[in-house]
Amino acid sequence: MDLEEFVHSNEPDADHSGFEKANKRLLDIAVDGTVMVKAGSMIGYTGELTFTGKSSAEGGLTGFVKDAVSSEGTPVMEAEGEGHLYVADQGKKVQLLELDADQSISVNGTDVLAFESTIDYEINTISSLSEVAAGGLTNVYLTGPGSVAISTHGDPLVMTPPVVTDPDATVAWSTNLSPSFATNKTIEIGQTSGESIQMEFTGSDGFVVIQPYEE
């Protein structure tokens, strides 16, 4: 394609509000006030925006806490002002969700890309994982109303429990589910399978989101 066609076919759509995909791997946020995004995810913006790191509860939000096991939290930053903010996370695909009032979802901390300031959020470390592995799983509980953007390596697969998953490939699940962790008790001789830790979701209601990649 010629230069003019290249520019036209790849320029963003500035005539929208809220969250919109600029493409499969890039989120365009029309900011008019404040929005929360993953720290380090900004790749560009237009207008007048300022960025502030967040490490505690502010503005009515429930708050982020650090992972007590690994000492690594899920850092976020607040973007404030008016303009268009473009965020991405290492080429992962962007998935947009709309949560109604009191609707909620539990997301792996590494997969949270952005959410509106109307979303209440809380970070928890699933301590049961530390019993079977040297580290916990930090999860973000997001409650609506508002828009949420999560990121996945490739196209996600949404499954209905009962299901067993790899923790490193598990992106999110409905908050009515409470996963348990277990070790594969099969005795392995020689090379191990690499599937020694498993996440088990029981029941018949809800959903679990997995991706074709292990973080």
N, C-alpha and C. Protein backbone atom coordinates (compact mmCIF):
# COMPACT_ATOMS: atom_id res chain seq x y z
N MET A 1 0.84 -1.19 0.00
CA MET A 1 0.00 0.00 0.00
C MET A 1 0.88 1.25 0.00
N ASP A 2 0.35 2.33 -0.56
CA ASP A 2 1.14 3.56 -0.58
C ASP A 2 1.07 4.24 0.79
N LEU A 3 1.85 5.29 0.96
CA LEU A 3 1.99 5.93 2.27
C LEU A 3 0.66 6.50 2.77
N GLU A 4 -0.09 7.16 1.90
CA GLU A 4 -1.36 7.75 2.31
C GLU A 4 -2.35 6.69 2.75
N GLU A 5 -2.37 5.58 2.03
CA GLU A 5 -3.27 4.49 2.39
C GLU A 5 -2.85 3.86 3.72
N PHE A 6 -1.54 3.73 3.93
CA PHE A 6 -1.03 3.18 5.19
C PHE A 6 -1.45 4.04 6.37
N VAL A 7 -1.30 5.35 6.24
CA VAL A 7 -1.67 6.27 7.32
C VAL A 7 -3.17 6.19 7.59
N HIS A 8 -3.98 6.21 6.54
CA HIS A 8 -5.42 6.21 6.71
C HIS A 8 -5.92 4.90 7.33
N SER A 9 -5.36 3.78 6.93
CA SER A 9 -5.85 2.48 7.39
C SER A 9 -5.42 2.18 8.83
N ASN A 10 -4.43 2.91 9.35
CA ASN A 10 -3.93 2.63 10.70
C ASN A 10 -4.15 3.76 11.69
N GLU A 11 -4.81 4.84 11.26
CA GLU A 11 -5.04 5.93 12.19
C GLU A 11 -6.19 5.60 13.13
N PRO A 12 -6.14 6.11 14.36
CA PRO A 12 -7.18 5.77 15.34
C PRO A 12 -8.49 6.50 15.05
N ASP A 13 -9.56 5.94 15.62
CA ASP A 13 -10.87 6.57 15.54
C ASP A 13 -11.04 7.43 16.78
N ALA A 14 -10.92 8.74 16.62
CA ALA A 14 -10.97 9.65 17.77
C ALA A 14 -12.40 10.01 18.15
N ASP A 15 -13.37 9.55 17.38
CA ASP A 15 -14.77 9.94 17.60
C ASP A 15 -15.49 8.84 18.38
N HIS A 16 -15.10 8.65 19.62
CA HIS A 16 -15.78 7.67 20.47
C HIS A 16 -15.56 8.06 21.93
N SER A 17 -16.32 7.44 22.82
CA SER A 17 -16.16 7.65 24.24
C SER A 17 -15.85 6.32 24.92
N GLY A 18 -15.28 6.39 26.10
CA GLY A 18 -15.00 5.17 26.85
C GLY A 18 -13.87 4.35 26.25
N PHE A 19 -14.02 3.02 26.37
CA PHE A 19 -13.00 2.08 25.91
C PHE A 19 -13.34 1.59 24.50
N GLU A 20 -12.34 1.52 23.64
CA GLU A 20 -12.52 0.97 22.30
C GLU A 20 -11.19 0.38 21.84
N LYS A 21 -11.26 -0.75 21.14
CA LYS A 21 -10.05 -1.34 20.59
C LYS A 21 -9.59 -0.54 19.38
N ALA A 22 -8.33 -0.08 19.41
CA ALA A 22 -7.75 0.52 18.21
C ALA A 22 -7.41 -0.59 17.22
N ASN A 23 -6.99 -1.73 17.75
CA ASN A 23 -6.85 -2.97 17.00
C ASN A 23 -6.89 -4.10 18.01
N LYS A 24 -6.59 -5.31 17.62
CA LYS A 24 -6.73 -6.45 18.52
C LYS A 24 -5.82 -6.38 19.73
N ARG A 25 -4.70 -5.64 19.62
CA ARG A 25 -3.70 -5.64 20.67
C ARG A 25 -3.47 -4.27 21.30
N LEU A 26 -4.34 -3.33 20.98
CA LEU A 26 -4.15 -1.95 21.43
C LEU A 26 -5.48 -1.36 21.86
N LEU A 27 -5.50 -0.79 23.06
CA LEU A 27 -6.71 -0.20 23.61
C LEU A 27 -6.65 1.32 23.52
N ASP A 28 -7.73 1.91 23.02
CA ASP A 28 -7.88 3.36 22.92
C ASP A 28 -8.90 3.78 23.97
N ILE A 29 -8.46 4.59 24.95
CA ILE A 29 -9.35 5.06 26.01
C ILE A 29 -9.58 6.55 25.84
N ALA A 30 -10.84 6.93 25.65
CA ALA A 30 -11.20 8.34 25.61
C ALA A 30 -11.34 8.81 27.05
N VAL A 31 -10.35 9.52 27.54
CA VAL A 31 -10.31 9.93 28.95
C VAL A 31 -10.98 11.29 29.11
N ASP A 32 -11.90 11.35 30.04
CA ASP A 32 -12.53 12.62 30.42
C ASP A 32 -12.73 12.57 31.93
N GLY A 33 -11.64 12.76 32.66
CA GLY A 33 -11.64 12.59 34.10
C GLY A 33 -10.49 11.70 34.51
N THR A 34 -10.78 10.52 35.06
CA THR A 34 -9.72 9.61 35.48
C THR A 34 -10.01 8.20 34.99
N VAL A 35 -8.95 7.43 34.83
CA VAL A 35 -9.04 6.02 34.47
C VAL A 35 -7.83 5.32 35.06
N MET A 36 -7.99 4.05 35.42
CA MET A 36 -6.89 3.27 35.98
C MET A 36 -6.34 2.33 34.92
N VAL A 37 -5.02 2.32 34.76
CA VAL A 37 -4.39 1.45 33.77
C VAL A 37 -3.16 0.78 34.39
N LYS A 38 -2.77 -0.32 33.80
CA LYS A 38 -1.59 -1.04 34.26
C LYS A 38 -0.36 -0.16 34.11
N ALA A 39 0.46 -0.09 35.15
CA ALA A 39 1.65 0.73 35.10
C ALA A 39 2.57 0.26 33.98
N GLY A 40 3.07 1.21 33.20
CA GLY A 40 3.97 0.89 32.11
C GLY A 40 3.29 0.51 30.82
N SER A 41 1.94 0.55 30.80
CA SER A 41 1.21 0.11 29.60
C SER A 41 0.98 1.24 28.60
N MET A 42 1.22 2.50 28.98
CA MET A 42 0.98 3.62 28.08
C MET A 42 1.99 3.59 26.93
N ILE A 43 1.48 3.63 25.70
CA ILE A 43 2.38 3.72 24.55
C ILE A 43 2.24 5.05 23.81
N GLY A 44 1.20 5.82 24.16
CA GLY A 44 1.03 7.13 23.55
C GLY A 44 -0.27 7.75 24.02
N TYR A 45 -0.37 9.07 23.86
CA TYR A 45 -1.64 9.74 24.19
C TYR A 45 -1.70 11.07 23.48
N THR A 46 -2.93 11.59 23.36
CA THR A 46 -3.16 12.93 22.84
C THR A 46 -3.92 13.72 23.90
N GLY A 47 -3.90 15.03 23.81
CA GLY A 47 -4.58 15.86 24.78
C GLY A 47 -3.70 16.16 25.98
N GLU A 48 -4.34 16.44 27.11
CA GLU A 48 -3.63 16.79 28.34
C GLU A 48 -3.90 15.73 29.40
N LEU A 49 -2.91 14.87 29.65
CA LEU A 49 -3.05 13.81 30.63
C LEU A 49 -1.87 13.82 31.59
N THR A 50 -2.13 13.49 32.82
CA THR A 50 -1.07 13.31 33.82
C THR A 50 -1.21 11.90 34.39
N PHE A 51 -0.09 11.35 34.86
CA PHE A 51 -0.07 9.97 35.34
C PHE A 51 0.48 9.94 36.76
N THR A 52 -0.22 9.20 37.63
CA THR A 52 0.17 9.08 39.03
C THR A 52 0.15 7.62 39.43
N GLY A 53 1.24 7.15 40.02
CA GLY A 53 1.27 5.78 40.51
C GLY A 53 0.39 5.61 41.72
N LYS A 54 -0.23 4.44 41.84
CA LYS A 54 -1.11 4.16 42.96
C LYS A 54 -0.63 2.92 43.70
N SER A 55 -0.61 3.00 45.03
CA SER A 55 -0.22 1.84 45.81
C SER A 55 -1.14 1.61 46.99
N SER A 56 -2.16 2.46 47.16
CA SER A 56 -3.09 2.28 48.27
C SER A 56 -4.48 2.72 47.84
N ALA A 57 -5.45 2.47 48.70
CA ALA A 57 -6.83 2.81 48.37
C ALA A 57 -7.03 4.32 48.35
N GLU A 58 -7.57 4.80 47.24
CA GLU A 58 -7.90 6.21 47.12
C GLU A 58 -9.17 6.35 46.30
N GLY A 59 -9.82 7.47 46.43
CA GLY A 59 -10.96 7.78 45.58
C GLY A 59 -12.10 6.79 45.66
N GLY A 60 -12.28 6.17 46.84
CA GLY A 60 -13.39 5.25 47.00
C GLY A 60 -13.09 3.84 46.51
N LEU A 61 -11.90 3.63 45.97
CA LEU A 61 -11.55 2.30 45.50
C LEU A 61 -11.08 1.44 46.67
N THR A 62 -11.29 0.15 46.55
CA THR A 62 -10.95 -0.74 47.64
C THR A 62 -9.44 -0.86 47.82
N GLY A 63 -8.69 -0.87 46.70
CA GLY A 63 -7.26 -0.75 46.82
C GLY A 63 -6.45 -1.94 46.39
N PHE A 64 -5.19 -1.68 46.09
CA PHE A 64 -4.24 -2.72 45.74
C PHE A 64 -3.36 -3.04 46.95
N VAL A 65 -3.01 -4.28 47.12
CA VAL A 65 -2.04 -4.68 48.13
C VAL A 65 -0.96 -5.50 47.44
N LYS A 66 0.22 -5.52 48.02
CA LYS A 66 1.31 -6.28 47.42
C LYS A 66 1.17 -7.76 47.72
N ASP A 67 1.69 -8.53 46.82
CA ASP A 67 1.73 -9.98 47.01
C ASP A 67 2.62 -10.27 48.21
N ALA A 68 2.05 -10.87 49.25
CA ALA A 68 2.80 -11.07 50.48
C ALA A 68 3.92 -12.10 50.33
N VAL A 69 3.80 -12.94 49.33
CA VAL A 69 4.80 -14.00 49.16
C VAL A 69 5.97 -13.54 48.31
N SER A 70 5.66 -13.00 47.13
CA SER A 70 6.72 -12.63 46.19
C SER A 70 7.17 -11.20 46.31
N SER A 71 6.44 -10.39 47.10
CA SER A 71 6.72 -8.96 47.24
C SER A 71 6.57 -8.21 45.92
N GLU A 72 5.85 -8.79 45.01
CA GLU A 72 5.56 -8.11 43.75
C GLU A 72 4.06 -7.88 43.68
N GLY A 73 3.67 -6.62 43.55
CA GLY A 73 2.25 -6.32 43.47
C GLY A 73 1.78 -6.29 42.03
N THR A 74 0.61 -5.74 41.83
CA THR A 74 0.09 -5.50 40.49
C THR A 74 -0.01 -4.00 40.33
N PRO A 75 1.08 -3.35 39.92
CA PRO A 75 1.11 -1.88 39.93
C PRO A 75 0.16 -1.28 38.92
N VAL A 76 -0.52 -0.23 39.34
CA VAL A 76 -1.42 0.50 38.46
C VAL A 76 -1.08 1.98 38.55
N MET A 77 -1.54 2.71 37.56
CA MET A 77 -1.39 4.16 37.59
C MET A 77 -2.71 4.79 37.19
N GLU A 78 -2.93 5.98 37.71
CA GLU A 78 -4.14 6.73 37.39
C GLU A 78 -3.80 7.76 36.33
N ALA A 79 -4.55 7.72 35.24
CA ALA A 79 -4.42 8.75 34.20
C ALA A 79 -5.56 9.74 34.39
N GLU A 80 -5.21 11.01 34.42
CA GLU A 80 -6.21 12.05 34.68
C GLU A 80 -6.09 13.16 33.64
N GLY A 81 -7.22 13.67 33.20
CA GLY A 81 -7.24 14.77 32.24
C GLY A 81 -8.26 14.52 31.16
N GLU A 82 -7.93 15.02 29.97
CA GLU A 82 -8.83 14.86 28.83
C GLU A 82 -8.00 14.57 27.59
N GLY A 83 -8.36 13.52 26.89
CA GLY A 83 -7.62 13.14 25.69
C GLY A 83 -7.82 11.68 25.39
N HIS A 84 -6.98 11.15 24.51
CA HIS A 84 -7.03 9.73 24.16
C HIS A 84 -5.75 9.07 24.64
N LEU A 85 -5.92 7.99 25.39
CA LEU A 85 -4.80 7.24 25.95
C LEU A 85 -4.74 5.88 25.26
N TYR A 86 -3.55 5.52 24.80
CA TYR A 86 -3.35 4.25 24.10
C TYR A 86 -2.48 3.36 24.96
N VAL A 87 -3.01 2.18 25.33
CA VAL A 87 -2.29 1.26 26.21
C VAL A 87 -2.24 -0.12 25.57
N ALA A 88 -1.17 -0.84 25.91
CA ALA A 88 -0.97 -2.21 25.41
C ALA A 88 -0.08 -2.94 26.40
N ASP A 89 -0.06 -4.27 26.30
CA ASP A 89 0.75 -5.08 27.21
C ASP A 89 1.45 -6.17 26.42
N GLN A 90 2.66 -5.88 25.97
CA GLN A 90 3.54 -6.86 25.33
C GLN A 90 2.87 -7.62 24.18
N GLY A 91 2.06 -6.92 23.41
CA GLY A 91 1.45 -7.53 22.24
C GLY A 91 0.33 -8.50 22.53
N LYS A 92 -0.13 -8.56 23.78
CA LYS A 92 -1.25 -9.44 24.13
C LYS A 92 -2.55 -8.89 23.55
N LYS A 93 -3.51 -9.76 23.31
CA LYS A 93 -4.80 -9.33 22.77
C LYS A 93 -5.65 -8.67 23.85
N VAL A 94 -6.39 -7.65 23.45
CA VAL A 94 -7.25 -6.91 24.36
C VAL A 94 -8.65 -7.50 24.35
N GLN A 95 -9.19 -7.74 25.54
CA GLN A 95 -10.56 -8.24 25.69
C GLN A 95 -11.35 -7.21 26.49
N LEU A 96 -12.47 -6.73 25.96
CA LEU A 96 -13.28 -5.71 26.62
C LEU A 96 -14.49 -6.34 27.30
N LEU A 97 -14.73 -5.93 28.54
CA LEU A 97 -15.86 -6.41 29.31
C LEU A 97 -16.64 -5.23 29.86
N GLU A 98 -17.95 -5.37 29.91
CA GLU A 98 -18.81 -4.36 30.54
C GLU A 98 -19.48 -5.00 31.75
N LEU A 99 -19.21 -4.46 32.92
CA LEU A 99 -19.79 -4.98 34.14
C LEU A 99 -20.96 -4.09 34.57
N ASP A 100 -22.09 -4.72 34.83
CA ASP A 100 -23.23 -4.00 35.37
C ASP A 100 -23.01 -3.76 36.86
N ALA A 101 -23.89 -2.98 37.46
CA ALA A 101 -23.79 -2.73 38.90
C ALA A 101 -23.84 -4.05 39.66
N ASP A 102 -22.88 -4.23 40.55
CA ASP A 102 -22.76 -5.43 41.39
C ASP A 102 -22.30 -6.67 40.63
N GLN A 103 -22.06 -6.56 39.32
CA GLN A 103 -21.43 -7.67 38.59
C GLN A 103 -19.94 -7.63 38.88
N SER A 104 -19.33 -8.80 38.98
CA SER A 104 -17.91 -8.82 39.29
C SER A 104 -17.22 -9.97 38.59
N ILE A 105 -15.91 -9.85 38.50
CA ILE A 105 -15.07 -10.89 37.89
C ILE A 105 -13.73 -10.90 38.60
N SER A 106 -13.14 -12.06 38.71
CA SER A 106 -11.82 -12.21 39.32
C SER A 106 -10.80 -12.44 38.22
N VAL A 107 -9.76 -11.59 38.18
CA VAL A 107 -8.79 -11.62 37.08
C VAL A 107 -7.38 -11.79 37.64
N ASN A 108 -6.59 -12.62 36.98
CA ASN A 108 -5.18 -12.73 37.32
C ASN A 108 -4.55 -11.35 37.26
N GLY A 109 -3.78 -10.98 38.28
CA GLY A 109 -3.23 -9.63 38.37
C GLY A 109 -2.41 -9.22 37.17
N THR A 110 -1.70 -10.14 36.54
CA THR A 110 -0.87 -9.80 35.39
C THR A 110 -1.68 -9.53 34.14
N ASP A 111 -2.97 -9.87 34.16
CA ASP A 111 -3.80 -9.75 32.96
C ASP A 111 -4.76 -8.57 33.00
N VAL A 112 -4.72 -7.77 34.06
CA VAL A 112 -5.55 -6.56 34.14
C VAL A 112 -4.86 -5.45 33.37
N LEU A 113 -5.54 -4.88 32.36
CA LEU A 113 -4.96 -3.83 31.54
C LEU A 113 -5.48 -2.45 31.92
N ALA A 114 -6.78 -2.30 32.09
CA ALA A 114 -7.36 -0.99 32.43
C ALA A 114 -8.78 -1.18 32.94
N PHE A 115 -9.25 -0.20 33.71
CA PHE A 115 -10.64 -0.19 34.11
C PHE A 115 -11.04 1.23 34.48
N GLU A 116 -12.34 1.50 34.33
CA GLU A 116 -12.86 2.83 34.62
C GLU A 116 -12.84 3.10 36.12
N SER A 117 -12.83 4.37 36.47
CA SER A 117 -12.76 4.75 37.87
C SER A 117 -14.03 4.39 38.64
N THR A 118 -15.11 4.04 37.94
CA THR A 118 -16.33 3.61 38.61
C THR A 118 -16.23 2.18 39.11
N ILE A 119 -15.20 1.46 38.70
CA ILE A 119 -15.00 0.07 39.10
C ILE A 119 -14.35 0.02 40.49
N ASP A 120 -14.92 -0.75 41.39
CA ASP A 120 -14.27 -1.04 42.67
C ASP A 120 -13.35 -2.23 42.47
N TYR A 121 -12.17 -2.17 43.08
CA TYR A 121 -11.24 -3.28 42.90
C TYR A 121 -10.56 -3.63 44.20
N GLU A 122 -10.22 -4.89 44.31
CA GLU A 122 -9.52 -5.38 45.49
C GLU A 122 -8.55 -6.47 45.05
N ILE A 123 -7.34 -6.42 45.59
CA ILE A 123 -6.33 -7.42 45.27
C ILE A 123 -6.20 -8.39 46.42
N ASN A 124 -6.18 -9.66 46.10
CA ASN A 124 -5.98 -10.69 47.12
C ASN A 124 -4.96 -11.70 46.62
N THR A 125 -4.19 -12.23 47.55
CA THR A 125 -3.28 -13.32 47.23
C THR A 125 -3.93 -14.63 47.65
N ILE A 126 -4.04 -15.55 46.72
CA ILE A 126 -4.62 -16.85 47.03
C ILE A 126 -3.57 -17.67 47.76
N SER A 127 -3.67 -17.67 49.09
CA SER A 127 -2.61 -18.23 49.92
C SER A 127 -2.46 -19.73 49.76
N SER A 128 -3.53 -20.40 49.34
CA SER A 128 -3.44 -21.85 49.21
C SER A 128 -2.43 -22.28 48.17
N LEU A 129 -2.16 -21.39 47.20
CA LEU A 129 -1.17 -21.74 46.19
C LEU A 129 0.23 -21.79 46.80
N SER A 130 0.46 -20.95 47.82
CA SER A 130 1.80 -20.93 48.43
C SER A 130 2.10 -22.22 49.17
N GLU A 131 1.05 -23.00 49.45
CA GLU A 131 1.26 -24.27 50.11
C GLU A 131 1.83 -25.32 49.16
N VAL A 132 1.62 -25.11 47.85
CA VAL A 132 2.08 -26.10 46.88
C VAL A 132 3.12 -25.54 45.92
N ALA A 133 3.43 -24.24 46.06
CA ALA A 133 4.42 -23.62 45.19
C ALA A 133 5.08 -22.46 45.93
N ALA A 134 6.24 -22.08 45.46
CA ALA A 134 6.99 -20.98 46.09
C ALA A 134 6.46 -19.65 45.58
N GLY A 135 5.24 -19.33 45.94
CA GLY A 135 4.63 -18.06 45.52
C GLY A 135 3.13 -18.17 45.52
N GLY A 136 2.46 -17.05 45.62
CA GLY A 136 1.01 -17.03 45.59
C GLY A 136 0.51 -16.52 44.26
N LEU A 137 -0.78 -16.61 44.07
CA LEU A 137 -1.40 -16.07 42.87
C LEU A 137 -2.14 -14.80 43.25
N THR A 138 -1.71 -13.67 42.70
CA THR A 138 -2.35 -12.40 43.00
C THR A 138 -3.51 -12.20 42.05
N ASN A 139 -4.70 -12.02 42.61
CA ASN A 139 -5.90 -11.87 41.80
C ASN A 139 -6.60 -10.56 42.12
N VAL A 140 -7.19 -9.98 41.08
CA VAL A 140 -7.90 -8.71 41.21
C VAL A 140 -9.39 -8.97 41.11
N TYR A 141 -10.14 -8.53 42.12
CA TYR A 141 -11.58 -8.66 42.12
C TYR A 141 -12.17 -7.32 41.68
N LEU A 142 -12.80 -7.31 40.52
CA LEU A 142 -13.34 -6.09 39.92
C LEU A 142 -14.87 -6.13 39.97
N THR A 143 -15.47 -5.05 40.49
CA THR A 143 -16.92 -4.99 40.63
C THR A 143 -17.46 -3.74 39.94
N GLY A 144 -18.50 -3.92 39.11
CA GLY A 144 -19.07 -2.83 38.33
C GLY A 144 -19.95 -1.91 39.13
N PRO A 145 -20.43 -0.88 38.44
CA PRO A 145 -20.53 -0.79 36.98
C PRO A 145 -19.31 -0.14 36.34
N GLY A 146 -19.09 -0.49 35.07
CA GLY A 146 -18.02 0.14 34.32
C GLY A 146 -17.35 -0.80 33.35
N SER A 147 -16.42 -0.24 32.58
CA SER A 147 -15.68 -0.99 31.56
C SER A 147 -14.38 -1.53 32.13
N VAL A 148 -14.03 -2.73 31.70
CA VAL A 148 -12.79 -3.38 32.11
C VAL A 148 -12.10 -3.92 30.85
N ALA A 149 -10.79 -3.76 30.79
CA ALA A 149 -10.00 -4.36 29.71
C ALA A 149 -9.00 -5.32 30.31
N ILE A 150 -9.01 -6.56 29.84
CA ILE A 150 -8.01 -7.53 30.25
C ILE A 150 -7.22 -7.94 29.01
N SER A 151 -6.07 -8.56 29.23
CA SER A 151 -5.22 -8.95 28.10
C SER A 151 -4.96 -10.45 28.14
N THR A 152 -4.90 -11.06 26.96
CA THR A 152 -4.65 -12.49 26.86
C THR A 152 -3.61 -12.75 25.78
N HIS A 153 -2.81 -13.77 26.00
CA HIS A 153 -1.92 -14.27 24.95
C HIS A 153 -2.75 -15.11 24.00
N GLY A 154 -3.05 -14.60 22.84
CA GLY A 154 -3.89 -15.32 21.89
C GLY A 154 -5.36 -15.21 22.25
N ASP A 155 -6.18 -16.02 21.59
CA ASP A 155 -7.62 -15.99 21.83
C ASP A 155 -7.97 -16.80 23.07
N PRO A 156 -8.81 -16.24 23.94
CA PRO A 156 -9.17 -16.96 25.16
C PRO A 156 -10.17 -18.07 24.89
N LEU A 157 -10.22 -19.01 25.83
CA LEU A 157 -11.22 -20.08 25.82
C LEU A 157 -11.98 -19.99 27.12
N VAL A 158 -13.31 -19.90 27.05
CA VAL A 158 -14.15 -19.80 28.24
C VAL A 158 -14.80 -21.15 28.50
N MET A 159 -14.54 -21.70 29.69
CA MET A 159 -15.02 -23.04 30.02
C MET A 159 -15.98 -22.98 31.20
N THR A 160 -16.85 -23.98 31.26
CA THR A 160 -17.79 -24.12 32.36
C THR A 160 -17.30 -25.21 33.30
N PRO A 161 -17.25 -24.94 34.60
CA PRO A 161 -16.80 -25.98 35.53
C PRO A 161 -17.78 -27.14 35.58
N PRO A 162 -17.33 -28.31 36.06
CA PRO A 162 -16.02 -28.55 36.66
C PRO A 162 -14.90 -28.61 35.63
N VAL A 163 -13.76 -28.01 35.97
CA VAL A 163 -12.62 -27.99 35.07
C VAL A 163 -11.34 -27.83 35.90
N VAL A 164 -10.27 -28.42 35.41
CA VAL A 164 -8.95 -28.29 36.03
C VAL A 164 -8.05 -27.54 35.06
N THR A 165 -7.33 -26.53 35.55
CA THR A 165 -6.51 -25.68 34.68
C THR A 165 -5.10 -25.52 35.22
N ASP A 166 -4.23 -25.06 34.36
CA ASP A 166 -2.87 -24.68 34.75
C ASP A 166 -2.94 -23.25 35.29
N PRO A 167 -2.45 -22.98 36.50
CA PRO A 167 -2.51 -21.62 37.04
C PRO A 167 -1.87 -20.58 36.14
N ASP A 168 -0.80 -20.96 35.43
CA ASP A 168 -0.09 -20.01 34.57
C ASP A 168 -0.87 -19.67 33.31
N ALA A 169 -1.87 -20.46 32.98
CA ALA A 169 -2.68 -20.21 31.79
C ALA A 169 -4.09 -19.74 32.14
N THR A 170 -4.37 -19.56 33.42
CA THR A 170 -5.69 -19.16 33.88
C THR A 170 -5.77 -17.64 33.98
N VAL A 171 -6.69 -17.04 33.23
CA VAL A 171 -6.79 -15.58 33.14
C VAL A 171 -7.80 -15.01 34.12
N ALA A 172 -9.00 -15.60 34.19
CA ALA A 172 -10.07 -15.03 35.00
C ALA A 172 -11.13 -16.08 35.28
N TRP A 173 -11.98 -15.76 36.25
CA TRP A 173 -13.11 -16.62 36.53
C TRP A 173 -14.21 -15.83 37.23
N SER A 174 -15.43 -16.35 37.19
CA SER A 174 -16.54 -15.69 37.85
C SER A 174 -16.34 -15.78 39.36
N THR A 175 -16.73 -14.73 40.06
CA THR A 175 -16.41 -14.64 41.47
C THR A 175 -17.22 -15.57 42.35
N ASN A 176 -18.22 -16.26 41.79
CA ASN A 176 -18.94 -17.24 42.59
C ASN A 176 -18.13 -18.53 42.72
N LEU A 177 -17.03 -18.64 41.98
CA LEU A 177 -16.18 -19.83 42.05
C LEU A 177 -15.03 -19.60 43.02
N SER A 178 -14.66 -20.64 43.72
CA SER A 178 -13.52 -20.58 44.64
C SER A 178 -12.58 -21.73 44.30
N PRO A 179 -11.54 -21.45 43.52
CA PRO A 179 -10.67 -22.53 43.07
C PRO A 179 -9.84 -23.12 44.20
N SER A 180 -9.52 -24.37 44.05
CA SER A 180 -8.59 -25.02 44.97
C SER A 180 -7.36 -25.44 44.19
N PHE A 181 -6.26 -25.58 44.91
CA PHE A 181 -5.00 -25.95 44.27
C PHE A 181 -4.55 -27.30 44.78
N ALA A 182 -3.94 -28.05 43.88
CA ALA A 182 -3.46 -29.37 44.24
C ALA A 182 -2.21 -29.68 43.44
N THR A 183 -1.46 -30.65 43.93
CA THR A 183 -0.29 -31.13 43.20
C THR A 183 -0.64 -32.45 42.53
N ASN A 184 -0.04 -32.65 41.38
CA ASN A 184 -0.24 -33.91 40.66
C ASN A 184 0.50 -35.00 41.43
N LYS A 185 -0.25 -35.91 41.99
CA LYS A 185 0.34 -36.93 42.86
C LYS A 185 0.90 -38.12 42.10
N THR A 186 0.77 -38.10 40.79
CA THR A 186 1.33 -39.19 40.00
C THR A 186 2.85 -39.19 40.11
N ILE A 187 3.43 -40.31 40.43
CA ILE A 187 4.88 -40.41 40.54
C ILE A 187 5.48 -40.40 39.15
N GLU A 188 6.39 -39.43 38.91
CA GLU A 188 6.99 -39.30 37.59
C GLU A 188 8.45 -39.72 37.65
N ILE A 189 8.82 -40.56 36.74
CA ILE A 189 10.20 -41.05 36.68
C ILE A 189 10.88 -40.39 35.50
N GLY A 190 12.08 -39.85 35.73
CA GLY A 190 12.79 -39.16 34.66
C GLY A 190 12.29 -37.74 34.52
N GLN A 191 12.08 -37.30 33.29
CA GLN A 191 11.65 -35.93 33.03
C GLN A 191 10.22 -35.71 33.53
N THR A 192 10.00 -34.61 34.26
CA THR A 192 8.67 -34.32 34.78
C THR A 192 7.79 -33.74 33.68
N SER A 193 6.50 -33.74 33.94
CA SER A 193 5.53 -33.28 32.94
C SER A 193 5.43 -31.76 32.90
N GLY A 194 5.82 -31.09 34.01
CA GLY A 194 5.65 -29.64 34.09
C GLY A 194 4.24 -29.25 34.47
N GLU A 195 3.41 -30.23 34.82
CA GLU A 195 2.01 -29.96 35.19
C GLU A 195 1.76 -30.37 36.63
N SER A 196 2.72 -30.11 37.51
CA SER A 196 2.60 -30.60 38.88
C SER A 196 1.58 -29.81 39.70
N ILE A 197 1.36 -28.52 39.38
CA ILE A 197 0.41 -27.69 40.11
C ILE A 197 -0.83 -27.47 39.26
N GLN A 198 -1.99 -27.70 39.84
CA GLN A 198 -3.23 -27.60 39.09
C GLN A 198 -4.26 -26.79 39.87
N MET A 199 -5.12 -26.10 39.14
CA MET A 199 -6.21 -25.32 39.70
C MET A 199 -7.50 -26.05 39.41
N GLU A 200 -8.31 -26.28 40.43
CA GLU A 200 -9.54 -27.04 40.23
C GLU A 200 -10.75 -26.16 40.55
N PHE A 201 -11.66 -26.07 39.58
CA PHE A 201 -12.91 -25.34 39.75
C PHE A 201 -14.04 -26.36 39.75
N THR A 202 -14.82 -26.37 40.83
CA THR A 202 -15.90 -27.33 40.95
C THR A 202 -17.24 -26.63 40.81
N GLY A 203 -18.31 -27.41 40.82
CA GLY A 203 -19.64 -26.86 40.64
C GLY A 203 -20.04 -26.90 39.19
N SER A 204 -21.19 -26.31 38.90
CA SER A 204 -21.69 -26.32 37.52
C SER A 204 -22.06 -24.93 37.02
N ASP A 205 -21.94 -23.91 37.88
CA ASP A 205 -22.27 -22.54 37.50
C ASP A 205 -20.99 -21.74 37.32
N GLY A 206 -21.09 -20.64 36.56
CA GLY A 206 -19.94 -19.76 36.39
C GLY A 206 -19.12 -20.10 35.17
N PHE A 207 -17.94 -19.48 35.08
CA PHE A 207 -17.07 -19.67 33.93
C PHE A 207 -15.61 -19.47 34.33
N VAL A 208 -14.73 -20.05 33.54
CA VAL A 208 -13.28 -19.90 33.73
C VAL A 208 -12.67 -19.56 32.39
N VAL A 209 -11.81 -18.53 32.39
CA VAL A 209 -11.16 -18.07 31.15
C VAL A 209 -9.71 -18.53 31.16
N ILE A 210 -9.32 -19.26 30.12
CA ILE A 210 -7.93 -19.69 29.98
C ILE A 210 -7.37 -19.21 28.65
N GLN A 211 -6.04 -19.21 28.56
CA GLN A 211 -5.38 -18.75 27.34
C GLN A 211 -4.37 -19.79 26.87
N PRO A 212 -4.05 -19.81 25.58
CA PRO A 212 -3.12 -20.81 25.05
C PRO A 212 -1.66 -20.42 25.29
N TYR A 213 -1.35 -20.08 26.52
CA TYR A 213 0.00 -19.62 26.86
C TYR A 213 0.16 -19.70 28.37
N GLU A 214 1.36 -20.05 28.83
CA GLU A 214 1.63 -20.10 30.26
C GLU A 214 2.50 -18.92 30.64
N GLU A 215 1.98 -18.06 31.53
CA GLU A 215 2.71 -16.85 31.92
C GLU A 215 4.04 -17.23 32.58
